[in-house]
Amino acid sequence: MIKQTDRHIMEESTIVQKFLDYLKFERRFSEHTAKCYGADLKQFGEFLKCAPRQGVHHAEPIEMRHHEGEPEHGVAVATQVRVEVDLLLLSVQTDSVRAYLAYLNEKEYSKATIARKLATLRSFYKFLVKRNHITSNPVVTIRTPKQEKKLPRFLEYEEVKRLLSTPPMNTWLGARDRAILETLYSTGIRVSELVALNMDDIDFLGEVVHVRGKGKKERIAPIGSSALQVIQHYMEYRNKRAQNNGNFDSRVLFVNKHGQRLSTRSVRRKMDKYLKIAGLDPAISPHTLRHSFATHMLNSGADLRSVQELLGHQSLSTTQVYTHLTTDRLKEVYDNAHPRNNGHEEH
């Protein structure tokens, strides 16, 4: 049975639904990530139905059989549509994938988006080969288009200090928001990981946080003593409010005004508010604090492998982008310290 949350994506393909179930239940991908894969594959299916089908060989039509008592027209049509989409997806050849990429390029999709959609197809057809639905992967010979590396934005130390000092500490909401910002910067955890924190995830004695990351993988993140002091201050406010609220979720660390778990969207809204007060770039996001944490760690001499573990990155290459930030920063510092004199270097 197709879950209601997936129905709008998967109403036309049973083979893709199997793939999404594989991502969620075997690979432990989040619901949101699986939906993104599903949306990409639905778009590809629509392209195959509407665009000229170059290089696609069609299988023989499958005869539809119905049992006594089974609804006739509606089920038959829906089943036929699913069969048609499945046949198109299963009979795809490399030329069809290239035509799809050309179509995306004509529609002026960004290189990053095209690369992501190609990665979806690569994973999907790898799955189909693995499960013996097809004999060869039509995407295997297609190279990912080169794209410009966009370095993540990070804040300077003084900018971080200004942002963190903005929330007032004499109100419960201010104390909570200060604790949120301090935790994000001190640990480098994702916003989704922050809002998932429970009270017993904070180890004040060991000065660590128990984090539940992507793919339900858990890790331990060190947290600074100053951040722990701010969290402790917030907890005093939080516990007083919990006494007067029968619906208060006692497990959750960061709660909203109703005593329930905060959403990632709420954290973004709070940060927008404090960025404006601090006079900082409104384009900065909560994730910028994660980038700042990683960059400042490397600037302070931490090795790349340690930062990878702290951030919860599966691949070291994901973490290596921060080395570009630190290298560029070192060059900038050097150039400022050694200005050239009229284009001539002093010897």
Protein backbone atom coordinates (compact mmCIF):
# COMPACT_ATOMS: atom_id res chain seq x y z
CA MET A 1 0.00 0.00 0.00
CA ILE A 2 1.35 3.44 -0.97
CA LYS A 3 1.60 5.87 1.93
CA GLN A 4 -0.51 9.00 1.53
CA THR A 5 2.61 11.19 1.82
CA ASP A 6 4.12 9.49 -1.24
CA ARG A 7 0.94 9.11 -3.32
CA HIS A 8 1.24 12.40 -5.22
CA ILE A 9 4.73 11.38 -6.36
CA MET A 10 4.29 7.70 -6.87
CA GLU A 11 0.73 7.30 -8.17
CA GLU A 12 2.05 6.34 -11.62
CA SER A 13 4.93 3.95 -10.93
CA THR A 14 5.25 0.87 -8.78
CA ILE A 15 8.92 0.37 -9.66
CA VAL A 16 9.83 3.81 -8.33
CA GLN A 17 7.86 3.16 -5.15
CA LYS A 18 10.03 0.10 -4.57
CA PHE A 19 13.09 2.30 -5.00
CA LEU A 20 11.78 4.87 -2.49
CA ASP A 21 11.03 2.12 0.02
CA TYR A 22 14.60 0.89 -0.45
CA LEU A 23 15.95 4.39 0.26
CA LYS A 24 13.84 4.86 3.38
CA PHE A 25 13.90 1.41 4.95
CA GLU A 26 17.25 -0.02 3.84
CA ARG A 27 19.41 3.04 3.24
CA ARG A 28 17.71 4.96 6.10
CA PHE A 29 17.20 8.12 4.05
CA SER A 30 14.87 10.73 5.52
CA GLU A 31 11.29 11.14 4.31
CA HIS A 32 12.21 14.51 2.81
CA THR A 33 15.19 13.11 0.85
CA ALA A 34 13.11 10.22 -0.49
CA LYS A 35 10.46 12.71 -1.66
CA CYS A 36 13.13 14.66 -3.56
CA TYR A 37 14.27 11.50 -5.32
CA GLY A 38 10.66 10.68 -6.11
CA ALA A 39 10.01 14.15 -7.56
CA ASP A 40 13.09 13.86 -9.79
CA LEU A 41 11.97 10.47 -11.08
CA LYS A 42 8.42 11.67 -11.69
CA GLN A 43 9.80 14.51 -13.82
CA PHE A 44 11.92 12.03 -15.78
CA GLY A 45 8.86 9.81 -16.29
CA GLU A 46 6.86 12.78 -17.59
CA PHE A 47 9.68 13.56 -20.01
CA LEU A 48 9.66 9.99 -21.31
CA LYS A 49 5.88 10.13 -21.85
CA CYS A 50 5.83 13.53 -23.58
CA ALA A 51 9.17 13.90 -25.38
CA PRO A 52 10.25 12.04 -28.55
CA ARG A 53 11.29 8.61 -27.34
CA GLN A 54 14.66 8.31 -29.01
CA GLY A 55 16.38 5.06 -28.22
CA VAL A 56 13.53 3.68 -26.10
CA HIS A 57 12.36 0.21 -27.01
CA HIS A 58 8.84 -0.63 -25.92
CA ALA A 59 7.97 -3.95 -24.45
CA GLU A 60 4.87 -5.84 -25.60
CA PRO A 61 1.65 -4.56 -23.94
CA ILE A 62 0.77 -6.43 -20.79
CA GLU A 63 -2.68 -7.96 -20.83
CA MET A 64 -4.82 -6.66 -17.95
CA ARG A 65 -6.76 -9.31 -16.06
CA HIS A 66 -9.42 -8.53 -13.45
CA HIS A 67 -10.92 -10.82 -10.88
CA GLU A 68 -14.58 -11.05 -10.02
CA GLY A 69 -15.62 -8.36 -7.57
CA GLU A 70 -12.69 -6.08 -8.45
CA PRO A 71 -13.57 -2.46 -9.44
CA GLU A 72 -13.36 -2.31 -13.21
CA HIS A 73 -12.66 0.97 -14.99
CA GLY A 74 -10.83 3.06 -12.37
CA VAL A 75 -8.44 0.32 -11.25
CA ALA A 76 -7.81 -0.85 -14.82
CA VAL A 77 -6.89 2.65 -16.01
CA ALA A 78 -4.69 3.37 -13.00
CA THR A 79 -2.94 0.01 -13.36
CA GLN A 80 -2.43 0.53 -17.10
CA VAL A 81 -0.86 3.96 -16.45
CA ARG A 82 1.51 2.46 -13.89
CA VAL A 83 2.46 -0.33 -16.30
CA GLU A 84 3.16 2.18 -19.08
CA VAL A 85 5.38 4.36 -16.87
CA ASP A 86 7.21 1.33 -15.51
CA LEU A 87 7.85 0.04 -19.04
CA LEU A 88 9.22 3.42 -20.10
CA LEU A 89 11.55 3.60 -17.12
CA LEU A 90 12.72 0.00 -17.52
CA SER A 91 13.39 0.35 -21.27
CA VAL A 92 15.42 3.56 -21.10
CA GLN A 93 18.70 3.71 -23.00
CA THR A 94 21.63 6.09 -22.70
CA ASP A 95 20.43 8.31 -25.58
CA SER A 96 17.18 8.95 -23.72
CA VAL A 97 19.07 10.08 -20.63
CA ARG A 98 21.24 12.39 -22.75
CA ALA A 99 18.11 13.84 -24.36
CA TYR A 100 16.66 14.48 -20.89
CA LEU A 101 19.82 16.29 -19.78
CA ALA A 102 19.68 18.40 -22.95
CA TYR A 103 16.04 19.21 -22.18
CA LEU A 104 16.95 20.34 -18.64
CA ASN A 105 19.74 22.48 -20.06
CA GLU A 106 17.36 24.10 -22.56
CA LYS A 107 15.00 24.90 -19.69
CA GLU A 108 17.94 26.69 -18.05
CA TYR A 109 18.18 24.51 -14.98
CA SER A 110 21.37 25.23 -13.03
CA LYS A 111 24.33 22.88 -13.41
CA ALA A 112 23.98 21.91 -9.76
CA THR A 113 20.31 20.94 -10.23
CA ILE A 114 21.07 18.95 -13.39
CA ALA A 115 23.89 17.15 -11.57
CA ARG A 116 21.50 16.29 -8.73
CA LYS A 117 18.84 14.95 -11.09
CA LEU A 118 21.47 12.87 -12.89
CA ALA A 119 22.63 11.51 -9.52
CA THR A 120 19.03 10.46 -8.83
CA LEU A 121 18.87 8.55 -12.13
CA ARG A 122 22.27 7.00 -11.43
CA SER A 123 21.09 5.68 -8.05
CA PHE A 124 17.74 4.52 -9.44
CA TYR A 125 19.19 2.50 -12.31
CA LYS A 126 21.94 1.09 -10.11
CA PHE A 127 19.13 -0.17 -7.85
CA LEU A 128 17.26 -1.69 -10.82
CA VAL A 129 20.39 -3.58 -11.93
CA LYS A 130 21.03 -4.77 -8.38
CA ARG A 131 17.46 -6.11 -8.10
CA ASN A 132 17.66 -7.76 -11.57
CA HIS A 133 14.93 -5.56 -13.10
CA ILE A 134 17.33 -4.59 -15.93
CA THR A 135 20.61 -6.06 -17.16
CA SER A 136 22.62 -2.86 -17.72
CA ASN A 137 22.72 0.66 -16.31
CA PRO A 138 21.96 3.27 -19.03
CA VAL A 139 23.47 6.07 -16.91
CA VAL A 140 26.83 4.47 -16.17
CA THR A 141 28.66 6.02 -19.16
CA ILE A 142 27.27 9.53 -18.65
CA ARG A 143 29.60 11.93 -16.86
CA THR A 144 28.32 14.47 -14.39
CA PRO A 145 28.52 17.96 -15.91
CA LYS A 146 31.26 20.12 -14.45
CA GLN A 147 29.99 22.84 -12.20
CA GLU A 148 31.52 25.78 -10.46
CA LYS A 149 32.34 25.09 -6.85
CA LYS A 150 30.42 27.52 -4.71
CA LEU A 151 32.29 27.98 -1.48
CA PRO A 152 30.07 28.04 1.60
CA ARG A 153 29.64 31.39 3.30
CA PHE A 154 31.07 31.73 6.80
CA LEU A 155 31.16 34.44 9.45
CA GLU A 156 34.25 36.08 10.88
CA TYR A 157 34.84 35.67 14.62
CA GLU A 158 33.63 39.21 15.36
CA GLU A 159 30.45 38.65 13.34
CA VAL A 160 29.70 35.44 15.24
CA LYS A 161 30.28 37.25 18.54
CA ARG A 162 27.92 40.05 17.50
CA LEU A 163 25.19 37.61 16.47
CA LEU A 164 25.44 35.47 19.59
CA SER A 165 25.20 38.45 21.91
CA THR A 166 21.99 39.76 20.29
CA PRO A 167 19.25 37.69 22.02
CA PRO A 168 18.38 39.09 25.49
CA MET A 169 19.23 36.78 28.36
CA ASN A 170 16.61 38.14 30.78
CA THR A 171 13.57 36.57 29.04
CA TRP A 172 12.83 32.91 28.48
CA LEU A 173 12.57 33.29 24.67
CA GLY A 174 15.77 35.31 24.55
CA ALA A 175 17.58 32.76 26.71
CA ARG A 176 16.30 29.95 24.46
CA ASP A 177 17.37 31.70 21.27
CA ARG A 178 20.81 32.50 22.67
CA ALA A 179 21.20 28.84 23.65
CA ILE A 180 20.18 27.78 20.13
CA LEU A 181 22.75 30.02 18.45
CA GLU A 182 25.48 29.05 20.92
CA THR A 183 24.78 25.35 20.39
CA LEU A 184 24.81 25.63 16.59
CA TYR A 185 28.15 27.44 16.55
CA SER A 186 29.83 25.51 19.39
CA THR A 187 29.02 22.05 17.98
CA GLY A 188 28.61 22.60 14.22
CA ILE A 189 25.49 20.42 14.18
CA ARG A 190 22.77 20.79 11.56
CA VAL A 191 19.54 22.65 12.38
CA SER A 192 17.58 19.41 11.93
CA GLU A 193 19.89 17.78 14.49
CA LEU A 194 19.49 20.71 16.87
CA VAL A 195 15.68 20.61 16.95
CA ALA A 196 15.83 16.82 17.48
CA LEU A 197 17.82 17.21 20.73
CA ASN A 198 16.25 15.99 23.94
CA MET A 199 17.09 16.98 27.49
CA ASP A 200 19.16 13.87 28.16
CA ASP A 201 21.25 14.43 25.00
CA ILE A 202 23.24 17.14 26.79
CA ASP A 203 26.05 15.77 28.94
CA PHE A 204 27.12 18.67 31.14
CA LEU A 205 29.78 16.65 32.96
CA GLY A 206 31.39 15.22 29.82
CA GLU A 207 30.80 18.45 27.86
CA VAL A 208 29.38 16.60 24.85
CA VAL A 209 26.10 16.40 22.94
CA HIS A 210 24.54 13.17 21.66
CA VAL A 211 23.50 13.90 18.07
CA ARG A 212 21.15 11.94 15.82
CA GLY A 213 22.30 12.73 12.30
CA LYS A 214 21.40 11.81 8.74
CA GLY A 215 20.42 8.23 8.10
CA LYS A 216 19.70 7.82 11.84
CA LYS A 217 23.44 7.73 12.52
CA GLU A 218 24.44 8.89 15.98
CA ARG A 219 27.61 10.69 16.97
CA ILE A 220 29.11 12.58 19.90
CA ALA A 221 29.84 16.28 19.45
CA PRO A 222 31.96 18.22 21.95
CA ILE A 223 30.40 21.46 23.18
CA GLY A 224 32.11 24.44 24.80
CA SER A 225 31.65 25.38 28.45
CA SER A 226 30.30 28.83 27.57
CA ALA A 227 27.57 27.25 25.43
CA LEU A 228 26.72 24.84 28.26
CA GLN A 229 26.36 27.77 30.68
CA VAL A 230 23.91 29.45 28.30
CA ILE A 231 21.95 26.19 27.91
CA GLN A 232 21.82 25.82 31.70
CA HIS A 233 20.48 29.38 32.00
CA TYR A 234 17.79 28.62 29.42
CA MET A 235 16.86 25.37 31.17
CA GLU A 236 16.00 27.28 34.34
CA TYR A 237 13.43 29.31 32.40
CA ARG A 238 12.26 26.23 30.53
CA ASN A 239 11.68 24.14 33.66
CA LYS A 240 9.64 26.91 35.32
CA ARG A 241 7.37 27.10 32.28
CA ALA A 242 7.01 23.31 32.24
CA GLN A 243 5.53 23.38 35.76
CA ASN A 244 2.60 25.53 34.60
CA ASN A 245 1.90 23.75 31.32
CA GLY A 246 0.19 20.38 31.32
CA ASN A 247 0.90 19.86 27.59
CA PHE A 248 4.62 20.58 27.93
CA ASP A 249 6.85 17.95 26.29
CA SER A 250 9.29 17.23 29.09
CA ARG A 251 11.70 15.30 26.85
CA VAL A 252 12.44 18.06 24.35
CA LEU A 253 15.31 20.52 24.87
CA PHE A 254 14.32 23.42 22.62
CA VAL A 255 10.57 24.08 22.78
CA ASN A 256 8.22 26.66 21.34
CA LYS A 257 5.86 28.85 23.40
CA HIS A 258 3.39 25.94 23.61
CA GLY A 259 5.99 23.60 25.10
CA GLN A 260 6.37 21.50 21.94
CA ARG A 261 9.43 20.76 19.82
CA LEU A 262 10.66 23.64 17.68
CA SER A 263 10.66 23.27 13.88
CA THR A 264 13.63 24.03 11.64
CA ARG A 265 11.56 26.77 10.03
CA SER A 266 11.08 28.43 13.42
CA VAL A 267 14.84 28.45 13.99
CA ARG A 268 15.33 30.13 10.62
CA ARG A 269 12.75 32.81 11.47
CA LYS A 270 14.42 33.51 14.81
CA MET A 271 17.81 33.84 13.16
CA ASP A 272 16.44 36.24 10.54
CA LYS A 273 15.22 38.42 13.39
CA TYR A 274 18.60 38.54 15.15
CA LEU A 275 20.54 39.08 11.92
CA LYS A 276 18.47 42.21 11.33
CA ILE A 277 19.06 43.44 14.88
CA ALA A 278 22.82 42.75 14.63
CA GLY A 279 23.05 44.49 11.25
CA LEU A 280 24.41 41.38 9.51
CA ASP A 281 23.73 40.07 5.99
CA PRO A 282 20.11 38.76 5.89
CA ALA A 283 21.23 36.04 3.44
CA ILE A 284 23.04 34.30 6.32
CA SER A 285 21.31 31.10 7.40
CA PRO A 286 21.55 28.82 10.44
CA HIS A 287 23.69 26.54 8.26
CA THR A 288 26.20 29.41 7.98
CA LEU A 289 27.05 28.83 11.64
CA ARG A 290 27.94 25.23 10.74
CA HIS A 291 30.21 26.50 7.96
CA SER A 292 31.73 29.02 10.39
CA PHE A 293 32.36 26.30 12.97
CA ALA A 294 34.21 24.13 10.42
CA THR A 295 36.26 27.01 9.01
CA HIS A 296 37.26 28.32 12.43
CA MET A 297 38.21 24.80 13.58
CA LEU A 298 40.56 24.39 10.60
CA ASN A 299 41.95 27.91 11.09
CA SER A 300 42.75 26.92 14.68
CA GLY A 301 44.78 23.90 13.54
CA ALA A 302 42.25 21.04 13.63
CA ASP A 303 42.92 18.31 11.08
CA LEU A 304 40.46 17.59 8.29
CA ARG A 305 39.57 14.09 9.50
CA SER A 306 38.60 15.37 12.95
CA VAL A 307 36.38 18.07 11.46
CA GLN A 308 34.78 15.45 9.20
CA GLU A 309 33.84 13.38 12.25
CA LEU A 310 32.54 16.41 14.15
CA LEU A 311 30.33 17.44 11.24
CA GLY A 312 29.07 13.90 10.63
CA HIS A 313 30.15 13.88 6.97
CA GLN A 314 30.25 10.45 5.35
CA SER A 315 32.86 11.48 2.80
CA LEU A 316 36.04 13.43 3.45
CA SER A 317 35.57 15.18 0.10
CA THR A 318 32.49 16.91 1.55
CA THR A 319 34.62 18.39 4.30
CA GLN A 320 37.49 19.36 1.98
CA VAL A 321 35.54 22.36 0.66
CA TYR A 322 36.43 24.14 3.89
CA THR A 323 40.15 23.88 3.12
CA HIS A 324 39.52 26.24 0.19
CA LEU A 325 38.02 28.73 2.61
CA THR A 326 40.98 28.59 4.96
CA THR A 327 43.52 28.73 2.11
CA ASP A 328 41.81 31.76 0.58
CA ARG A 329 41.67 33.37 3.99
CA LEU A 330 45.40 32.78 4.60
CA LYS A 331 46.22 34.31 1.21
CA GLU A 332 44.10 37.34 2.05
CA VAL A 333 45.84 37.78 5.40
CA TYR A 334 49.25 37.41 3.77
CA ASP A 335 48.42 39.94 1.04
CA ASN A 336 47.19 42.44 3.61
CA ALA A 337 50.34 41.99 5.67
CA HIS A 338 52.64 42.25 2.64
CA PRO A 339 51.22 44.96 0.35
CA ARG A 340 52.97 45.36 -2.96
CA ASN A 341 54.65 48.69 -3.58
CA ASN A 342 53.60 50.08 -7.01
CA GLY A 343 53.60 46.63 -8.45
CA HIS A 344 57.20 45.91 -7.35
CA GLU A 345 58.16 43.61 -4.54
CA GLU A 346 60.74 44.72 -2.04
CA HIS A 347 63.71 42.39 -1.70
